[in-house]
Amino acid sequence: MSNKINNKDELDAKLAEIGDGVMVMLEFHANWCGNCKKIAPKLEQLLKEFKDIHFFTIDVDVSEDLVAAYNIKSMPTFVIIKNKNIVDTYVGSNSDEVKNLIIKNK
């Protein structure tokens, strides 16, 4: 499941709707980011493999409040959330590392 999130209020509403005990992955990206484009096809493949993850994309140029709230400095950045808390983060475009991030936090 993939959805675009535009601001902190939208994300907070989604997290409340999803509830506790469910893994959420946020991808912070930008349309102009070469590494974000590089990982996109492999990320789609991972999402097909791990269908039980709630996945949200956040454009850093649109969602400045979330960029500040999650202290995003580079892209792509992947943030794993459980029970409304950050449990892990990966910065980079290595799809194997993203897969390991998912497996480690399931």
N, C-alpha and C. Protein backbone atom coordinates (compact mmCIF):
# COMPACT_ATOMS: atom_id res chain seq x y z
N MET A 1 0.85 -1.18 0.00
CA MET A 1 0.00 0.00 0.00
C MET A 1 0.89 1.24 0.00
N SER A 2 0.72 2.09 -0.99
CA SER A 2 1.54 3.29 -1.09
C SER A 2 0.65 4.51 -1.21
N ASN A 3 0.97 5.53 -0.45
CA ASN A 3 0.21 6.78 -0.47
C ASN A 3 1.16 7.95 -0.30
N LYS A 4 0.80 9.05 -0.93
CA LYS A 4 1.57 10.28 -0.74
C LYS A 4 1.04 11.00 0.49
N ILE A 5 1.95 11.51 1.28
CA ILE A 5 1.61 12.30 2.46
C ILE A 5 2.16 13.70 2.23
N ASN A 6 1.34 14.72 2.48
CA ASN A 6 1.74 16.09 2.21
C ASN A 6 2.13 16.91 3.44
N ASN A 7 1.70 16.46 4.63
CA ASN A 7 2.03 17.22 5.83
C ASN A 7 1.88 16.36 7.08
N LYS A 8 2.29 16.91 8.21
CA LYS A 8 2.29 16.17 9.47
C LYS A 8 0.88 15.78 9.90
N ASP A 9 -0.10 16.65 9.66
CA ASP A 9 -1.48 16.32 10.04
C ASP A 9 -1.97 15.09 9.30
N GLU A 10 -1.66 15.00 7.99
CA GLU A 10 -2.06 13.83 7.21
C GLU A 10 -1.40 12.57 7.75
N LEU A 11 -0.11 12.65 8.04
CA LEU A 11 0.60 11.48 8.55
C LEU A 11 0.04 11.07 9.91
N ASP A 12 -0.18 12.02 10.79
CA ASP A 12 -0.73 11.71 12.11
C ASP A 12 -2.09 11.01 11.99
N ALA A 13 -2.92 11.47 11.06
CA ALA A 13 -4.24 10.86 10.85
C ALA A 13 -4.09 9.42 10.35
N LYS A 14 -3.18 9.21 9.42
CA LYS A 14 -2.94 7.85 8.90
C LYS A 14 -2.42 6.92 9.99
N LEU A 15 -1.47 7.40 10.78
CA LEU A 15 -0.92 6.57 11.86
C LEU A 15 -1.99 6.22 12.89
N ALA A 16 -2.87 7.15 13.19
CA ALA A 16 -3.97 6.88 14.12
C ALA A 16 -4.93 5.85 13.54
N GLU A 17 -5.19 5.96 12.25
CA GLU A 17 -6.09 5.03 11.56
C GLU A 17 -5.49 3.61 11.52
N ILE A 18 -4.20 3.52 11.28
CA ILE A 18 -3.52 2.22 11.18
C ILE A 18 -3.48 1.52 12.53
N GLY A 19 -3.21 2.27 13.57
CA GLY A 19 -3.16 1.70 14.91
C GLY A 19 -1.80 1.14 15.27
N ASP A 20 -1.73 0.53 16.44
CA ASP A 20 -0.47 0.02 16.97
C ASP A 20 -0.14 -1.37 16.43
N GLY A 21 1.14 -1.70 16.50
CA GLY A 21 1.59 -3.04 16.14
C GLY A 21 1.77 -3.28 14.66
N VAL A 22 1.52 -2.29 13.85
CA VAL A 22 1.64 -2.43 12.40
C VAL A 22 2.85 -1.63 11.93
N MET A 23 3.62 -2.22 11.02
CA MET A 23 4.81 -1.54 10.52
C MET A 23 4.45 -0.53 9.44
N VAL A 24 5.01 0.66 9.59
CA VAL A 24 4.83 1.74 8.62
C VAL A 24 6.22 2.14 8.13
N MET A 25 6.36 2.30 6.82
CA MET A 25 7.62 2.79 6.27
C MET A 25 7.35 4.08 5.51
N LEU A 26 8.14 5.10 5.85
CA LEU A 26 8.08 6.38 5.16
C LEU A 26 9.29 6.49 4.25
N GLU A 27 9.06 6.96 3.03
CA GLU A 27 10.17 7.25 2.13
C GLU A 27 10.18 8.76 1.87
N PHE A 28 11.24 9.42 2.30
CA PHE A 28 11.42 10.84 2.01
C PHE A 28 12.23 10.93 0.72
N HIS A 29 11.68 11.64 -0.25
CA HIS A 29 12.31 11.72 -1.57
C HIS A 29 12.06 13.10 -2.19
N ALA A 30 12.64 13.30 -3.37
CA ALA A 30 12.38 14.51 -4.16
C ALA A 30 12.34 14.10 -5.63
N ASN A 31 11.54 14.80 -6.41
CA ASN A 31 11.43 14.50 -7.84
C ASN A 31 12.75 14.67 -8.57
N TRP A 32 13.60 15.56 -8.09
CA TRP A 32 14.87 15.84 -8.74
C TRP A 32 16.02 14.96 -8.23
N CYS A 33 15.75 14.08 -7.30
CA CYS A 33 16.78 13.25 -6.65
C CYS A 33 17.10 12.03 -7.52
N GLY A 34 18.34 11.97 -8.02
CA GLY A 34 18.77 10.87 -8.86
C GLY A 34 18.73 9.52 -8.16
N ASN A 35 19.20 9.47 -6.91
CA ASN A 35 19.18 8.21 -6.16
C ASN A 35 17.77 7.74 -5.85
N CYS A 36 16.85 8.69 -5.68
CA CYS A 36 15.44 8.33 -5.45
C CYS A 36 14.87 7.65 -6.69
N LYS A 37 15.18 8.20 -7.85
CA LYS A 37 14.72 7.61 -9.11
C LYS A 37 15.36 6.24 -9.33
N LYS A 38 16.61 6.12 -8.93
CA LYS A 38 17.35 4.87 -9.11
C LYS A 38 16.71 3.71 -8.33
N ILE A 39 16.28 3.97 -7.12
CA ILE A 39 15.73 2.90 -6.28
C ILE A 39 14.24 2.63 -6.53
N ALA A 40 13.55 3.54 -7.19
CA ALA A 40 12.09 3.43 -7.35
C ALA A 40 11.62 2.08 -7.90
N PRO A 41 12.18 1.56 -9.00
CA PRO A 41 11.69 0.27 -9.50
C PRO A 41 11.93 -0.88 -8.52
N LYS A 42 13.05 -0.87 -7.85
CA LYS A 42 13.35 -1.93 -6.89
C LYS A 42 12.46 -1.81 -5.65
N LEU A 43 12.13 -0.59 -5.30
CA LEU A 43 11.25 -0.35 -4.17
C LEU A 43 9.85 -0.89 -4.46
N GLU A 44 9.36 -0.68 -5.68
CA GLU A 44 8.05 -1.21 -6.07
C GLU A 44 8.04 -2.73 -5.94
N GLN A 45 9.13 -3.36 -6.33
CA GLN A 45 9.27 -4.81 -6.22
C GLN A 45 9.23 -5.25 -4.75
N LEU A 46 9.93 -4.53 -3.89
CA LEU A 46 9.92 -4.85 -2.46
C LEU A 46 8.52 -4.73 -1.86
N LEU A 47 7.78 -3.71 -2.29
CA LEU A 47 6.44 -3.49 -1.75
C LEU A 47 5.49 -4.61 -2.16
N LYS A 48 5.73 -5.21 -3.32
CA LYS A 48 4.93 -6.37 -3.73
C LYS A 48 5.27 -7.58 -2.86
N GLU A 49 6.51 -7.67 -2.45
CA GLU A 49 6.96 -8.79 -1.61
C GLU A 49 6.46 -8.64 -0.17
N PHE A 50 6.45 -7.43 0.34
CA PHE A 50 6.05 -7.16 1.73
C PHE A 50 4.74 -6.38 1.74
N LYS A 51 3.65 -7.07 1.42
CA LYS A 51 2.34 -6.41 1.25
C LYS A 51 1.71 -5.95 2.56
N ASP A 52 2.22 -6.44 3.68
CA ASP A 52 1.61 -6.09 4.96
C ASP A 52 2.16 -4.79 5.54
N ILE A 53 3.06 -4.15 4.83
CA ILE A 53 3.64 -2.88 5.29
C ILE A 53 2.80 -1.72 4.75
N HIS A 54 2.55 -0.76 5.60
CA HIS A 54 1.92 0.48 5.14
C HIS A 54 3.05 1.40 4.71
N PHE A 55 3.04 1.79 3.44
CA PHE A 55 4.13 2.56 2.85
C PHE A 55 3.63 3.92 2.41
N PHE A 56 4.34 4.97 2.83
CA PHE A 56 3.96 6.33 2.47
C PHE A 56 5.16 7.06 1.89
N THR A 57 4.93 7.82 0.83
CA THR A 57 5.99 8.63 0.23
C THR A 57 5.78 10.08 0.62
N ILE A 58 6.89 10.74 0.88
CA ILE A 58 6.86 12.14 1.32
C ILE A 58 7.84 12.93 0.48
N ASP A 59 7.33 13.87 -0.30
CA ASP A 59 8.16 14.74 -1.13
C ASP A 59 8.72 15.85 -0.24
N VAL A 60 10.04 15.91 -0.13
CA VAL A 60 10.66 16.88 0.78
C VAL A 60 10.39 18.32 0.37
N ASP A 61 10.11 18.55 -0.90
CA ASP A 61 9.83 19.90 -1.37
C ASP A 61 8.40 20.35 -1.05
N VAL A 62 7.54 19.40 -0.71
CA VAL A 62 6.15 19.69 -0.39
C VAL A 62 5.91 19.66 1.13
N SER A 63 6.56 18.74 1.80
CA SER A 63 6.28 18.45 3.21
C SER A 63 7.38 18.94 4.14
N GLU A 64 7.60 20.22 4.14
CA GLU A 64 8.70 20.78 4.93
C GLU A 64 8.52 20.54 6.43
N ASP A 65 7.27 20.48 6.90
CA ASP A 65 7.06 20.22 8.33
C ASP A 65 7.52 18.81 8.72
N LEU A 66 7.30 17.84 7.84
CA LEU A 66 7.75 16.47 8.12
C LEU A 66 9.26 16.34 7.99
N VAL A 67 9.84 17.07 7.05
CA VAL A 67 11.31 17.07 6.90
C VAL A 67 11.94 17.56 8.20
N ALA A 68 11.37 18.61 8.76
CA ALA A 68 11.89 19.14 10.03
C ALA A 68 11.62 18.18 11.18
N ALA A 69 10.41 17.64 11.24
CA ALA A 69 10.04 16.75 12.35
C ALA A 69 10.88 15.48 12.38
N TYR A 70 11.26 14.98 11.20
CA TYR A 70 12.04 13.74 11.12
C TYR A 70 13.52 14.00 10.86
N ASN A 71 13.91 15.27 10.89
CA ASN A 71 15.32 15.66 10.75
C ASN A 71 15.98 15.06 9.50
N ILE A 72 15.30 15.20 8.37
CA ILE A 72 15.78 14.63 7.11
C ILE A 72 16.86 15.52 6.53
N LYS A 73 18.01 14.93 6.24
CA LYS A 73 19.16 15.66 5.70
C LYS A 73 19.55 15.19 4.30
N SER A 74 19.23 13.94 3.96
CA SER A 74 19.60 13.35 2.66
C SER A 74 18.44 12.52 2.14
N MET A 75 18.50 12.25 0.83
CA MET A 75 17.46 11.44 0.22
C MET A 75 18.07 10.39 -0.69
N PRO A 76 17.37 9.26 -0.81
CA PRO A 76 16.16 8.92 -0.07
C PRO A 76 16.48 8.52 1.37
N THR A 77 15.53 8.81 2.24
CA THR A 77 15.60 8.36 3.63
C THR A 77 14.36 7.53 3.90
N PHE A 78 14.57 6.36 4.49
CA PHE A 78 13.49 5.45 4.84
C PHE A 78 13.39 5.39 6.36
N VAL A 79 12.18 5.60 6.87
CA VAL A 79 11.94 5.61 8.31
C VAL A 79 10.90 4.53 8.62
N ILE A 80 11.24 3.68 9.58
CA ILE A 80 10.31 2.64 10.03
C ILE A 80 9.64 3.12 11.32
N ILE A 81 8.31 3.02 11.34
CA ILE A 81 7.52 3.44 12.50
C ILE A 81 6.67 2.26 12.96
N LYS A 82 6.66 2.05 14.27
CA LYS A 82 5.75 1.09 14.91
C LYS A 82 5.22 1.77 16.16
N ASN A 83 3.94 1.56 16.41
CA ASN A 83 3.30 2.15 17.59
C ASN A 83 3.55 3.66 17.66
N LYS A 84 3.54 4.29 16.49
CA LYS A 84 3.71 5.74 16.35
C LYS A 84 5.09 6.24 16.76
N ASN A 85 6.06 5.33 16.88
CA ASN A 85 7.43 5.70 17.24
C ASN A 85 8.41 5.27 16.15
N ILE A 86 9.44 6.07 15.94
CA ILE A 86 10.49 5.71 15.00
C ILE A 86 11.30 4.58 15.62
N VAL A 87 11.44 3.47 14.88
CA VAL A 87 12.23 2.35 15.39
C VAL A 87 13.51 2.14 14.60
N ASP A 88 13.57 2.66 13.36
CA ASP A 88 14.79 2.49 12.57
C ASP A 88 14.75 3.44 11.38
N THR A 89 15.94 3.70 10.83
CA THR A 89 16.09 4.60 9.69
C THR A 89 17.22 4.10 8.80
N TYR A 90 17.05 4.29 7.50
CA TYR A 90 18.12 4.01 6.55
C TYR A 90 18.17 5.16 5.55
N VAL A 91 19.37 5.66 5.30
CA VAL A 91 19.57 6.72 4.31
C VAL A 91 20.39 6.12 3.18
N GLY A 92 19.84 6.14 1.96
CA GLY A 92 20.57 5.62 0.82
C GLY A 92 19.66 4.95 -0.19
N SER A 93 20.27 4.48 -1.29
CA SER A 93 19.49 3.91 -2.37
C SER A 93 19.84 2.45 -2.66
N ASN A 94 20.37 1.75 -1.67
CA ASN A 94 20.69 0.34 -1.82
C ASN A 94 19.44 -0.47 -1.45
N SER A 95 18.82 -1.09 -2.44
CA SER A 95 17.57 -1.80 -2.19
C SER A 95 17.76 -3.00 -1.25
N ASP A 96 18.93 -3.62 -1.26
CA ASP A 96 19.19 -4.71 -0.32
C ASP A 96 19.16 -4.21 1.12
N GLU A 97 19.68 -3.00 1.34
CA GLU A 97 19.65 -2.41 2.69
C GLU A 97 18.22 -2.07 3.11
N VAL A 98 17.41 -1.62 2.15
CA VAL A 98 16.00 -1.33 2.47
C VAL A 98 15.29 -2.62 2.84
N LYS A 99 15.55 -3.68 2.07
CA LYS A 99 14.95 -4.98 2.38
C LYS A 99 15.39 -5.46 3.77
N ASN A 100 16.67 -5.33 4.08
CA ASN A 100 17.16 -5.72 5.40
C ASN A 100 16.50 -4.90 6.51
N LEU A 101 16.28 -3.62 6.24
CA LEU A 101 15.59 -2.75 7.20
C LEU A 101 14.19 -3.29 7.50
N ILE A 102 13.49 -3.68 6.44
CA ILE A 102 12.14 -4.22 6.60
C ILE A 102 12.17 -5.52 7.40
N ILE A 103 13.03 -6.44 6.98
CA ILE A 103 13.09 -7.75 7.63
C ILE A 103 13.46 -7.61 9.11
N LYS A 104 14.43 -6.76 9.38
CA LYS A 104 14.90 -6.56 10.76
C LYS A 104 13.80 -6.03 11.68
N ASN A 105 12.87 -5.26 11.13
CA ASN A 105 11.87 -4.59 11.95
C ASN A 105 10.47 -5.18 11.86
N LYS A 106 10.31 -6.28 11.16
CA LYS A 106 8.98 -6.92 11.04
C LYS A 106 8.52 -7.52 12.35
